[in-house]
Amino acid sequence: MYVTFDLITALVVSGAFAAGVLVYRRTAPPEGAIGQSRGERLAVALGAAATVIVIGSYLGGGFRGFEHAANARPVEPAKSEVSR
């Protein structure tokens, strides 16, 4: 298995990191207010980063799974012989 590192990967990872940091900071409660705990804020930030990675991987790599399904050969029906 070969792993490649290209520009799209770097952009997706840096975008995910930036989105996670921004979400974590924006969900901080104001001074003296009761808001989300640190763990809840971290969970929301990780979810945002994962969302960026999923969307970026589809945009960067294309929809290869759909291309292969469209070019697949039709399946021939199986021949069944019943002996009595």
Protein backbone atom coordinates (compact mmCIF):
# COMPACT_ATOMS: atom_id res chain seq x y z
CA MET A 1 0.00 0.00 0.00
CA TYR A 2 1.43 3.36 -1.03
CA VAL A 3 0.58 6.58 0.75
CA THR A 4 0.96 9.83 -1.15
CA PHE A 5 1.01 13.33 0.25
CA ASP A 6 -0.07 16.03 -2.14
CA LEU A 7 -1.29 19.60 -2.08
CA ILE A 8 -4.97 18.66 -1.77
CA THR A 9 -4.22 16.60 1.33
CA ALA A 10 -2.29 19.46 2.90
CA LEU A 11 -5.11 21.90 2.18
CA VAL A 12 -7.78 19.59 3.58
CA VAL A 13 -5.82 18.91 6.78
CA SER A 14 -4.99 22.56 7.36
CA GLY A 15 -8.61 23.53 6.67
CA ALA A 16 -9.82 20.92 9.15
CA PHE A 17 -7.39 22.15 11.78
CA ALA A 18 -8.45 25.77 11.23
CA ALA A 19 -12.14 24.86 11.37
CA GLY A 20 -11.63 22.95 14.61
CA VAL A 21 -9.79 25.85 16.24
CA LEU A 22 -12.37 28.38 15.12
CA VAL A 23 -15.30 26.30 16.35
CA TYR A 24 -13.58 25.67 19.69
CA ARG A 25 -12.94 29.37 20.23
CA ARG A 26 -16.39 30.51 19.07
CA THR A 27 -18.19 28.14 21.42
CA ALA A 28 -16.40 29.53 24.48
CA PRO A 29 -18.87 31.04 26.94
CA PRO A 30 -18.61 34.75 27.77
CA GLU A 31 -16.92 35.78 31.01
CA GLY A 32 -19.02 34.69 33.98
CA ALA A 33 -21.65 32.84 31.92
CA ILE A 34 -22.35 29.14 32.13
CA GLY A 35 -21.95 27.46 28.76
CA GLN A 36 -20.67 24.24 27.34
CA SER A 37 -17.95 22.37 29.18
CA ARG A 38 -14.48 22.00 27.73
CA GLY A 39 -15.23 18.42 26.66
CA GLU A 40 -18.42 19.40 24.88
CA ARG A 41 -16.64 22.21 23.06
CA LEU A 42 -13.85 19.81 22.06
CA ALA A 43 -16.38 17.27 20.76
CA VAL A 44 -18.08 19.91 18.62
CA ALA A 45 -14.70 21.09 17.28
CA LEU A 46 -13.65 17.54 16.40
CA GLY A 47 -16.96 17.01 14.62
CA ALA A 48 -16.41 20.16 12.57
CA ALA A 49 -12.89 19.03 11.66
CA ALA A 50 -14.15 15.59 10.63
CA THR A 51 -16.82 17.22 8.48
CA VAL A 52 -14.20 19.32 6.70
CA ILE A 53 -12.08 16.22 6.08
CA VAL A 54 -15.00 14.24 4.61
CA ILE A 55 -16.16 17.06 2.33
CA GLY A 56 -12.59 17.93 1.30
CA SER A 57 -11.75 14.33 0.47
CA TYR A 58 -14.78 14.05 -1.81
CA LEU A 59 -13.99 17.34 -3.52
CA GLY A 60 -10.28 16.58 -3.84
CA GLY A 61 -10.49 12.95 -4.88
CA GLY A 62 -13.69 12.95 -6.85
CA PHE A 63 -16.52 10.50 -6.70
CA ARG A 64 -14.56 7.43 -7.80
CA GLY A 65 -16.99 4.96 -6.32
CA PHE A 66 -19.76 6.18 -8.59
CA GLU A 67 -17.52 6.08 -11.68
CA HIS A 68 -16.67 2.42 -11.14
CA ALA A 69 -20.29 1.50 -10.55
CA ALA A 70 -21.34 3.16 -13.82
CA ASN A 71 -18.72 1.26 -15.85
CA ALA A 72 -19.41 -2.14 -14.34
CA ARG A 73 -20.31 -5.04 -16.59
CA PRO A 74 -23.84 -6.37 -16.26
CA VAL A 75 -24.11 -9.51 -14.17
CA GLU A 76 -25.31 -12.57 -16.01
CA PRO A 77 -28.04 -14.54 -14.28
CA ALA A 78 -26.80 -17.73 -12.69
CA LYS A 79 -27.78 -20.96 -14.39
CA SER A 80 -29.56 -23.23 -12.01
CA GLU A 81 -30.16 -26.83 -12.81
CA VAL A 82 -32.56 -28.74 -10.66
CA SER A 83 -32.26 -32.52 -10.79
CA ARG A 84 -35.06 -34.69 -9.50
